[in-house]
Amino acid sequence: MIEGTFDANVWIRRALDNTADIVVEECPLCDEISNYDVNMCQLLIGFISVVVELAGYSEDEISVIETECNAIIGQGYCVFRINLSK
C-alpha cells in the first residue's frame, strides 16, 4: 500500500487491486452541513483528479466508480473510491 499526502488533508491509498481511496479529511463542506448532500461532495472530484495526477496517473486513467460521503458532527470527511487503469 502506498500513502501520500497533499495539503495535509488529502490521503491517497492505493491497494494492490489498483483501487485508490482518496479521503478528504476535515472537509469544510462536510463540517458545515449536517444533512449532507452527496452532490456537493462531488464538487471535489476535479481537485482529486489533480491529486491523482500528481501521484503519476493521467486524467484518462481515472474514473470515479463510487463516492461515499459522511457527515459526522465535528468529523466530516469524504471518501472517493477511484478506479485507476494503470
PDB file of N, CA and C in Angstrom:
ATOM      1  N   MET A   1       0.841  -1.192   0.000  1.00  0.00           N
ATOM      2  CA  MET A   1       0.000   0.000   0.000  1.00  0.00           C
ATOM      3  C   MET A   1       0.880   1.246   0.000  1.00  0.00           C
ATOM      4  N   ILE A   2       0.498   2.209  -0.831  1.00  0.00           N
ATOM      5  CA  ILE A   2       1.264   3.441  -0.947  1.00  0.00           C
ATOM      6  C   ILE A   2       0.442   4.559  -0.336  1.00  0.00           C
ATOM      7  N   GLU A   3       1.066   5.391   0.483  1.00  0.00           N
ATOM      8  CA  GLU A   3       0.363   6.532   1.047  1.00  0.00           C
ATOM      9  C   GLU A   3       1.061   7.811   0.631  1.00  0.00           C
ATOM     10  N   GLY A   4       0.285   8.838   0.341  1.00  0.00           N
ATOM     11  CA  GLY A   4       0.845  10.133   0.017  1.00  0.00           C
ATOM     12  C   GLY A   4      -0.026  11.204   0.628  1.00  0.00           C
ATOM     13  N   THR A   5       0.518  12.379   0.785  1.00  0.00           N
ATOM     14  CA  THR A   5      -0.275  13.456   1.355  1.00  0.00           C
ATOM     15  C   THR A   5      -0.233  14.664   0.431  1.00  0.00           C
ATOM     16  N   PHE A   6      -1.254  15.470   0.490  1.00  0.00           N
ATOM     17  CA  PHE A   6      -1.309  16.718  -0.256  1.00  0.00           C
ATOM     18  C   PHE A   6      -2.103  17.695   0.583  1.00  0.00           C
ATOM     19  N   ASP A   7      -1.534  18.835   0.888  1.00  0.00           N
ATOM     20  CA  ASP A   7      -2.206  19.866   1.677  1.00  0.00           C
ATOM     21  C   ASP A   7      -2.580  19.380   3.072  1.00  0.00           C
ATOM     22  N   ALA A   8      -1.942  18.367   3.562  1.00  0.00           N
ATOM     23  CA  ALA A   8      -2.134  17.829   4.907  1.00  0.00           C
ATOM     24  C   ALA A   8      -3.530  17.296   5.170  1.00  0.00           C
ATOM     25  N   ASN A   9      -4.438  17.399   4.199  1.00  0.00           N
ATOM     26  CA  ASN A   9      -5.810  16.926   4.407  1.00  0.00           C
ATOM     27  C   ASN A   9      -6.201  15.805   3.468  1.00  0.00           C
ATOM     28  N   VAL A  10      -5.396  15.548   2.434  1.00  0.00           N
ATOM     29  CA  VAL A  10      -5.772  14.547   1.444  1.00  0.00           C
ATOM     30  C   VAL A  10      -4.832  13.363   1.547  1.00  0.00           C
ATOM     31  N   TRP A  11      -5.388  12.172   1.678  1.00  0.00           N
ATOM     32  CA  TRP A  11      -4.582  10.947   1.775  1.00  0.00           C
ATOM     33  C   TRP A  11      -4.912  10.062   0.589  1.00  0.00           C
ATOM     34  N   ILE A  12      -3.862   9.615  -0.101  1.00  0.00           N
ATOM     35  CA  ILE A  12      -4.067   8.720  -1.229  1.00  0.00           C
ATOM     36  C   ILE A  12      -3.616   7.338  -0.808  1.00  0.00           C
ATOM     37  N   ARG A  13      -4.508   6.375  -0.916  1.00  0.00           N
ATOM     38  CA  ARG A  13      -4.134   4.991  -0.612  1.00  0.00           C
ATOM     39  C   ARG A  13      -4.379   4.148  -1.849  1.00  0.00           C
ATOM     40  N   ARG A  14      -3.356   3.439  -2.303  1.00  0.00           N
ATOM     41  CA  ARG A  14      -3.524   2.596  -3.491  1.00  0.00           C
ATOM     42  C   ARG A  14      -3.262   1.152  -3.097  1.00  0.00           C
ATOM     43  N   ALA A  15      -4.256   0.301  -3.242  1.00  0.00           N
ATOM     44  CA  ALA A  15      -4.118  -1.109  -2.895  1.00  0.00           C
ATOM     45  C   ALA A  15      -3.624  -1.895  -4.107  1.00  0.00           C
ATOM     46  N   LEU A  16      -3.314  -3.168  -3.911  1.00  0.00           N
ATOM     47  CA  LEU A  16      -2.776  -3.998  -4.990  1.00  0.00           C
ATOM     48  C   LEU A  16      -3.756  -4.187  -6.133  1.00  0.00           C
ATOM     49  N   ASP A  17      -5.053  -4.025  -5.886  1.00  0.00           N
ATOM     50  CA  ASP A  17      -6.043  -4.201  -6.952  1.00  0.00           C
ATOM     51  C   ASP A  17      -6.255  -2.930  -7.766  1.00  0.00           C
ATOM     52  N   ASN A  18      -5.339  -1.976  -7.624  1.00  0.00           N
ATOM     53  CA  ASN A  18      -5.385  -0.713  -8.373  1.00  0.00           C
ATOM     54  C   ASN A  18      -6.636   0.114  -8.090  1.00  0.00           C
ATOM     55  N   THR A  19      -7.167  -0.029  -6.902  1.00  0.00           N
ATOM     56  CA  THR A  19      -8.255   0.842  -6.469  1.00  0.00           C
ATOM     57  C   THR A  19      -7.673   1.798  -5.441  1.00  0.00           C
ATOM     58  N   ALA A  20      -7.982   3.060  -5.592  1.00  0.00           N
ATOM     59  CA  ALA A  20      -7.458   4.058  -4.663  1.00  0.00           C
ATOM     60  C   ALA A  20      -8.608   4.680  -3.886  1.00  0.00           C
ATOM     61  N   ASP A  21      -8.432   4.808  -2.592  1.00  0.00           N
ATOM     62  CA  ASP A  21      -9.361   5.570  -1.773  1.00  0.00           C
ATOM     63  C   ASP A  21      -8.695   6.902  -1.468  1.00  0.00           C
ATOM     64  N   ILE A  22      -9.343   7.974  -1.810  1.00  0.00           N
ATOM     65  CA  ILE A  22      -8.817   9.296  -1.507  1.00  0.00           C
ATOM     66  C   ILE A  22      -9.743   9.901  -0.463  1.00  0.00           C
ATOM     67  N   VAL A  23      -9.209  10.165   0.703  1.00  0.00           N
ATOM     68  CA  VAL A  23     -10.006  10.663   1.809  1.00  0.00           C
ATOM     69  C   VAL A  23      -9.687  12.134   2.026  1.00  0.00           C
ATOM     70  N   VAL A  24     -10.690  12.968   1.916  1.00  0.00           N
ATOM     71  CA  VAL A  24     -10.526  14.383   2.216  1.00  0.00           C
ATOM     72  C   VAL A  24     -10.984  14.586   3.646  1.00  0.00           C
ATOM     73  N   GLU A  25     -10.028  14.757   4.550  1.00  0.00           N
ATOM     74  CA  GLU A  25     -10.358  14.923   5.953  1.00  0.00           C
ATOM     75  C   GLU A  25     -10.620  16.394   6.255  1.00  0.00           C
ATOM     76  N   GLU A  26     -11.401  16.642   7.272  1.00  0.00           N
ATOM     77  CA  GLU A  26     -11.767  17.997   7.675  1.00  0.00           C
ATOM     78  C   GLU A  26     -12.338  18.771   6.495  1.00  0.00           C
ATOM     79  N   CYS A  27     -13.133  18.074   5.688  1.00  0.00           N
ATOM     80  CA  CYS A  27     -13.760  18.686   4.526  1.00  0.00           C
ATOM     81  C   CYS A  27     -14.710  19.785   4.987  1.00  0.00           C
ATOM     82  N   PRO A  28     -14.511  21.031   4.559  1.00  0.00           N
ATOM     83  CA  PRO A  28     -15.371  22.116   5.055  1.00  0.00           C
ATOM     84  C   PRO A  28     -16.833  21.916   4.680  1.00  0.00           C
ATOM     85  N   LEU A  29     -17.093  21.310   3.511  1.00  0.00           N
ATOM     86  CA  LEU A  29     -18.476  21.050   3.141  1.00  0.00           C
ATOM     87  C   LEU A  29     -19.122  20.092   4.123  1.00  0.00           C
ATOM     88  N   CYS A  30     -18.373  19.036   4.497  1.00  0.00           N
ATOM     89  CA  CYS A  30     -18.931  18.047   5.421  1.00  0.00           C
ATOM     90  C   CYS A  30     -19.097  18.634   6.817  1.00  0.00           C
ATOM     91  N   ASP A  31     -18.150  19.476   7.233  1.00  0.00           N
ATOM     92  CA  ASP A  31     -18.202  20.026   8.583  1.00  0.00           C
ATOM     93  C   ASP A  31     -19.366  20.988   8.765  1.00  0.00           C
ATOM     94  N   GLU A  32     -19.717  21.712   7.692  1.00  0.00           N
ATOM     95  CA  GLU A  32     -20.718  22.763   7.831  1.00  0.00           C
ATOM     96  C   GLU A  32     -22.140  22.283   7.554  1.00  0.00           C
ATOM     97  N   ILE A  33     -22.288  21.127   6.930  1.00  0.00           N
ATOM     98  CA  ILE A  33     -23.618  20.656   6.548  1.00  0.00           C
ATOM     99  C   ILE A  33     -23.930  19.374   7.308  1.00  0.00           C
ATOM    100  N   SER A  34     -24.932  19.422   8.173  1.00  0.00           N
ATOM    101  CA  SER A  34     -25.250  18.231   8.948  1.00  0.00           C
ATOM    102  C   SER A  34     -26.098  17.255   8.137  1.00  0.00           C
ATOM    103  N   ASN A  35     -27.033  17.776   7.349  1.00  0.00           N
ATOM    104  CA  ASN A  35     -27.833  16.926   6.474  1.00  0.00           C
ATOM    105  C   ASN A  35     -27.171  16.962   5.110  1.00  0.00           C
ATOM    106  N   TYR A  36     -26.207  16.081   4.896  1.00  0.00           N
ATOM    107  CA  TYR A  36     -25.251  16.221   3.809  1.00  0.00           C
ATOM    108  C   TYR A  36     -25.812  15.854   2.445  1.00  0.00           C
ATOM    109  N   ASP A  37     -25.454  16.635   1.452  1.00  0.00           N
ATOM    110  CA  ASP A  37     -25.878  16.408   0.072  1.00  0.00           C
ATOM    111  C   ASP A  37     -24.706  15.808  -0.702  1.00  0.00           C
ATOM    112  N   VAL A  38     -24.889  14.598  -1.223  1.00  0.00           N
ATOM    113  CA  VAL A  38     -23.825  13.889  -1.925  1.00  0.00           C
ATOM    114  C   VAL A  38     -23.305  14.699  -3.113  1.00  0.00           C
ATOM    115  N   ASN A  39     -24.191  15.435  -3.784  1.00  0.00           N
ATOM    116  CA  ASN A  39     -23.766  16.204  -4.950  1.00  0.00           C
ATOM    117  C   ASN A  39     -22.711  17.252  -4.598  1.00  0.00           C
ATOM    118  N   MET A  40     -22.790  17.811  -3.415  1.00  0.00           N
ATOM    119  CA  MET A  40     -21.803  18.809  -3.025  1.00  0.00           C
ATOM    120  C   MET A  40     -20.433  18.168  -2.849  1.00  0.00           C
ATOM    121  N   CYS A  41     -20.419  16.940  -2.364  1.00  0.00           N
ATOM    122  CA  CYS A  41     -19.157  16.235  -2.203  1.00  0.00           C
ATOM    123  C   CYS A  41     -18.492  16.022  -3.564  1.00  0.00           C
ATOM    124  N   GLN A  42     -19.292  15.821  -4.593  1.00  0.00           N
ATOM    125  CA  GLN A  42     -18.750  15.559  -5.920  1.00  0.00           C
ATOM    126  C   GLN A  42     -18.064  16.779  -6.514  1.00  0.00           C
ATOM    127  N   LEU A  43     -18.253  17.947  -5.942  1.00  0.00           N
ATOM    128  CA  LEU A  43     -17.553  19.138  -6.411  1.00  0.00           C
ATOM    129  C   LEU A  43     -16.039  19.007  -6.228  1.00  0.00           C
ATOM    130  N   LEU A  44     -15.627  18.108  -5.357  1.00  0.00           N
ATOM    131  CA  LEU A  44     -14.203  17.931  -5.086  1.00  0.00           C
ATOM    132  C   LEU A  44     -13.522  17.001  -6.086  1.00  0.00           C
ATOM    133  N   ILE A  45     -14.285  16.404  -7.011  1.00  0.00           N
ATOM    134  CA  ILE A  45     -13.699  15.422  -7.923  1.00  0.00           C
ATOM    135  C   ILE A  45     -12.606  16.049  -8.780  1.00  0.00           C
ATOM    136  N   GLY A  46     -12.813  17.265  -9.264  1.00  0.00           N
ATOM    137  CA  GLY A  46     -11.795  17.923 -10.082  1.00  0.00           C
ATOM    138  C   GLY A  46     -10.497  18.096  -9.323  1.00  0.00           C
ATOM    139  N   PHE A  47     -10.598  18.513  -8.062  1.00  0.00           N
ATOM    140  CA  PHE A  47      -9.419  18.680  -7.224  1.00  0.00           C
ATOM    141  C   PHE A  47      -8.733  17.338  -6.994  1.00  0.00           C
ATOM    142  N   ILE A  48      -9.522  16.314  -6.757  1.00  0.00           N
ATOM    143  CA  ILE A  48      -8.965  14.989  -6.505  1.00  0.00           C
ATOM    144  C   ILE A  48      -8.274  14.446  -7.752  1.00  0.00           C
ATOM    145  N   SER A  49      -8.819  14.744  -8.928  1.00  0.00           N
ATOM    146  CA  SER A  49      -8.171  14.310 -10.165  1.00  0.00           C
ATOM    147  C   SER A  49      -6.764  14.887 -10.275  1.00  0.00           C
ATOM    148  N   VAL A  50      -6.599  16.134  -9.865  1.00  0.00           N
ATOM    149  CA  VAL A  50      -5.271  16.754  -9.885  1.00  0.00           C
ATOM    150  C   VAL A  50      -4.336  16.027  -8.931  1.00  0.00           C
ATOM    151  N   VAL A  51      -4.833  15.674  -7.754  1.00  0.00           N
ATOM    152  CA  VAL A  51      -4.013  14.966  -6.773  1.00  0.00           C
ATOM    153  C   VAL A  51      -3.571  13.612  -7.313  1.00  0.00           C
ATOM    154  N   VAL A  52      -4.495  12.901  -7.962  1.00  0.00           N
ATOM    155  CA  VAL A  52      -4.163  11.596  -8.529  1.00  0.00           C
ATOM    156  C   VAL A  52      -3.132  11.750  -9.646  1.00  0.00           C
ATOM    157  N   GLU A  53      -3.256  12.816 -10.440  1.00  0.00           N
ATOM    158  CA  GLU A  53      -2.259  13.073 -11.486  1.00  0.00           C
ATOM    159  C   GLU A  53      -0.888  13.304 -10.865  1.00  0.00           C
ATOM    160  N   LEU A  54      -0.843  13.987  -9.725  1.00  0.00           N
ATOM    161  CA  LEU A  54       0.431  14.197  -9.032  1.00  0.00           C
ATOM    162  C   LEU A  54       1.031  12.873  -8.573  1.00  0.00           C
ATOM    163  N   ALA A  55       0.173  11.870  -8.373  1.00  0.00           N
ATOM    164  CA  ALA A  55       0.658  10.551  -7.966  1.00  0.00           C
ATOM    165  C   ALA A  55       1.115   9.716  -9.163  1.00  0.00           C
ATOM    166  N   GLY A  56       1.030  10.292 -10.372  1.00  0.00           N
ATOM    167  CA  GLY A  56       1.571   9.617 -11.539  1.00  0.00           C
ATOM    168  C   GLY A  56       0.557   9.030 -12.498  1.00  0.00           C
ATOM    169  N   TYR A  57      -0.715   9.370 -12.335  1.00  0.00           N
ATOM    170  CA  TYR A  57      -1.751   8.867 -13.227  1.00  0.00           C
ATOM    171  C   TYR A  57      -2.241  10.008 -14.108  1.00  0.00           C
ATOM    172  N   SER A  58      -2.553   9.689 -15.360  1.00  0.00           N
ATOM    173  CA  SER A  58      -3.098  10.713 -16.241  1.00  0.00           C
ATOM    174  C   SER A  58      -4.619  10.737 -16.108  1.00  0.00           C
ATOM    175  N   GLU A  59      -5.223  11.827 -16.567  1.00  0.00           N
ATOM    176  CA  GLU A  59      -6.660  12.026 -16.381  1.00  0.00           C
ATOM    177  C   GLU A  59      -7.486  10.922 -17.040  1.00  0.00           C
ATOM    178  N   ASP A  60      -7.015  10.385 -18.180  1.00  0.00           N
ATOM    179  CA  ASP A  60      -7.793   9.354 -18.865  1.00  0.00           C
ATOM    180  C   ASP A  60      -7.663   7.980 -18.211  1.00  0.00           C
ATOM    181  N   GLU A  61      -6.843   7.855 -17.184  1.00  0.00           N
ATOM    182  CA  GLU A  61      -6.719   6.600 -16.444  1.00  0.00           C
ATOM    183  C   GLU A  61      -7.599   6.585 -15.199  1.00  0.00           C
ATOM    184  N   ILE A  62      -8.338   7.661 -14.992  1.00  0.00           N
ATOM    185  CA  ILE A  62      -9.102   7.822 -13.753  1.00  0.00           C
ATOM    186  C   ILE A  62     -10.591   7.785 -14.061  1.00  0.00           C
ATOM    187  N   SER A  63     -11.334   6.965 -13.347  1.00  0.00           N
ATOM    188  CA  SER A  63     -12.790   7.022 -13.422  1.00  0.00           C
ATOM    189  C   SER A  63     -13.342   6.811 -12.011  1.00  0.00           C
ATOM    190  N   VAL A  64     -14.254   7.670 -11.643  1.00  0.00           N
ATOM    191  CA  VAL A  64     -14.846   7.567 -10.313  1.00  0.00           C
ATOM    192  C   VAL A  64     -15.917   6.483 -10.358  1.00  0.00           C
ATOM    193  N   ILE A  65     -15.726   5.447  -9.556  1.00  0.00           N
ATOM    194  CA  ILE A  65     -16.685   4.344  -9.572  1.00  0.00           C
ATOM    195  C   ILE A  65     -17.624   4.373  -8.364  1.00  0.00           C
ATOM    196  N   GLU A  66     -17.247   5.110  -7.341  1.00  0.00           N
ATOM    197  CA  GLU A  66     -18.096   5.158  -6.153  1.00  0.00           C
ATOM    198  C   GLU A  66     -17.733   6.390  -5.339  1.00  0.00           C
ATOM    199  N   THR A  67     -18.730   7.056  -4.807  1.00  0.00           N
ATOM    200  CA  THR A  67     -18.493   8.197  -3.936  1.00  0.00           C
ATOM    201  C   THR A  67     -19.256   7.947  -2.640  1.00  0.00           C
ATOM    202  N   GLU A  68     -18.551   8.060  -1.541  1.00  0.00           N
ATOM    203  CA  GLU A  68     -19.179   7.867  -0.229  1.00  0.00           C
ATOM    204  C   GLU A  68     -18.941   9.122   0.599  1.00  0.00           C
ATOM    205  N   CYS A  69     -20.014   9.761   1.007  1.00  0.00           N
ATOM    206  CA  CYS A  69     -19.886  10.986   1.786  1.00  0.00           C
ATOM    207  C   CYS A  69     -20.509  10.787   3.162  1.00  0.00           C
ATOM    208  N   ASN A  70     -19.792  11.214   4.163  1.00  0.00           N
ATOM    209  CA  ASN A  70     -20.280  11.071   5.531  1.00  0.00           C
ATOM    210  C   ASN A  70     -20.134  12.403   6.257  1.00  0.00           C
ATOM    211  N   ALA A  71     -21.151  12.764   6.980  1.00  0.00           N
ATOM    212  CA  ALA A  71     -21.081  13.971   7.796  1.00  0.00           C
ATOM    213  C   ALA A  71     -21.304  13.584   9.253  1.00  0.00           C
ATOM    214  N   ILE A  72     -20.251  13.674  10.025  1.00  0.00           N
ATOM    215  CA  ILE A  72     -20.314  13.417  11.453  1.00  0.00           C
ATOM    216  C   ILE A  72     -19.984  14.738  12.126  1.00  0.00           C
ATOM    217  N   ILE A  73     -20.760  15.134  13.103  1.00  0.00           N
ATOM    218  CA  ILE A  73     -20.567  16.441  13.724  1.00  0.00           C
ATOM    219  C   ILE A  73     -19.121  16.584  14.195  1.00  0.00           C
ATOM    220  N   GLY A  74     -18.430  17.568  13.633  1.00  0.00           N
ATOM    221  CA  GLY A  74     -17.043  17.820  14.010  1.00  0.00           C
ATOM    222  C   GLY A  74     -16.034  16.898  13.343  1.00  0.00           C
ATOM    223  N   GLN A  75     -16.500  15.886  12.599  1.00  0.00           N
ATOM    224  CA  GLN A  75     -15.576  14.942  11.969  1.00  0.00           C
ATOM    225  C   GLN A  75     -16.036  14.617  10.558  1.00  0.00           C
ATOM    226  N   GLY A  76     -16.263  15.652   9.762  1.00  0.00           N
ATOM    227  CA  GLY A  76     -16.729  15.422   8.402  1.00  0.00           C
ATOM    228  C   GLY A  76     -15.614  14.905   7.516  1.00  0.00           C
ATOM    229  N   TYR A  77     -15.968  14.002   6.610  1.00  0.00           N
ATOM    230  CA  TYR A  77     -14.979  13.534   5.636  1.00  0.00           C
ATOM    231  C   TYR A  77     -15.691  13.013   4.396  1.00  0.00           C
ATOM    232  N   CYS A  78     -14.966  13.006   3.285  1.00  0.00           N
ATOM    233  CA  CYS A  78     -15.492  12.475   2.039  1.00  0.00           C
ATOM    234  C   CYS A  78     -14.538  11.387   1.562  1.00  0.00           C
ATOM    235  N   VAL A  79     -15.077  10.290   1.077  1.00  0.00           N
ATOM    236  CA  VAL A  79     -14.265   9.211   0.536  1.00  0.00           C
ATOM    237  C   VAL A  79     -14.641   9.038  -0.928  1.00  0.00           C
ATOM    238  N   PHE A  80     -13.640   9.127  -1.802  1.00  0.00           N
ATOM    239  CA  PHE A  80     -13.848   8.864  -3.220  1.00  0.00           C
ATOM    240  C   PHE A  80     -13.128   7.567  -3.551  1.00  0.00           C
ATOM    241  N   ARG A  81     -13.867   6.580  -4.042  1.00  0.00           N
ATOM    242  CA  ARG A  81     -13.258   5.318  -4.444  1.00  0.00           C
ATOM    243  C   ARG A  81     -12.987   5.427  -5.940  1.00  0.00           C
ATOM    244  N   ILE A  82     -11.715   5.424  -6.300  1.00  0.00           N
ATOM    245  CA  ILE A  82     -11.284   5.727  -7.664  1.00  0.00           C
ATOM    246  C   ILE A  82     -10.761   4.472  -8.334  1.00  0.00           C
ATOM    247  N   ASN A  83     -11.165   4.253  -9.577  1.00  0.00           N
ATOM    248  CA  ASN A  83     -10.618   3.155 -10.363  1.00  0.00           C
ATOM    249  C   ASN A  83      -9.476   3.693 -11.221  1.00  0.00           C
ATOM    250  N   LEU A  84      -8.289   3.120 -11.053  1.00  0.00           N
ATOM    251  CA  LEU A  84      -7.114   3.532 -11.818  1.00  0.00           C
ATOM    252  C   LEU A  84      -6.760   2.417 -12.790  1.00  0.00           C
ATOM    253  N   SER A  85      -6.700   2.742 -14.078  1.00  0.00           N
ATOM    254  CA  SER A  85      -6.496   1.714 -15.087  1.00  0.00           C
ATOM    255  C   SER A  85      -5.027   1.398 -15.346  1.00  0.00           C
ATOM    256  N   LYS A  86      -4.143   2.028 -14.613  1.00  0.00           N
ATOM    257  CA  LYS A  86      -2.707   1.827 -14.820  1.00  0.00           C
ATOM    258  C   LYS A  86      -2.272   0.457 -14.344  1.00  0.00           C
TER     259      LYS A  86
END
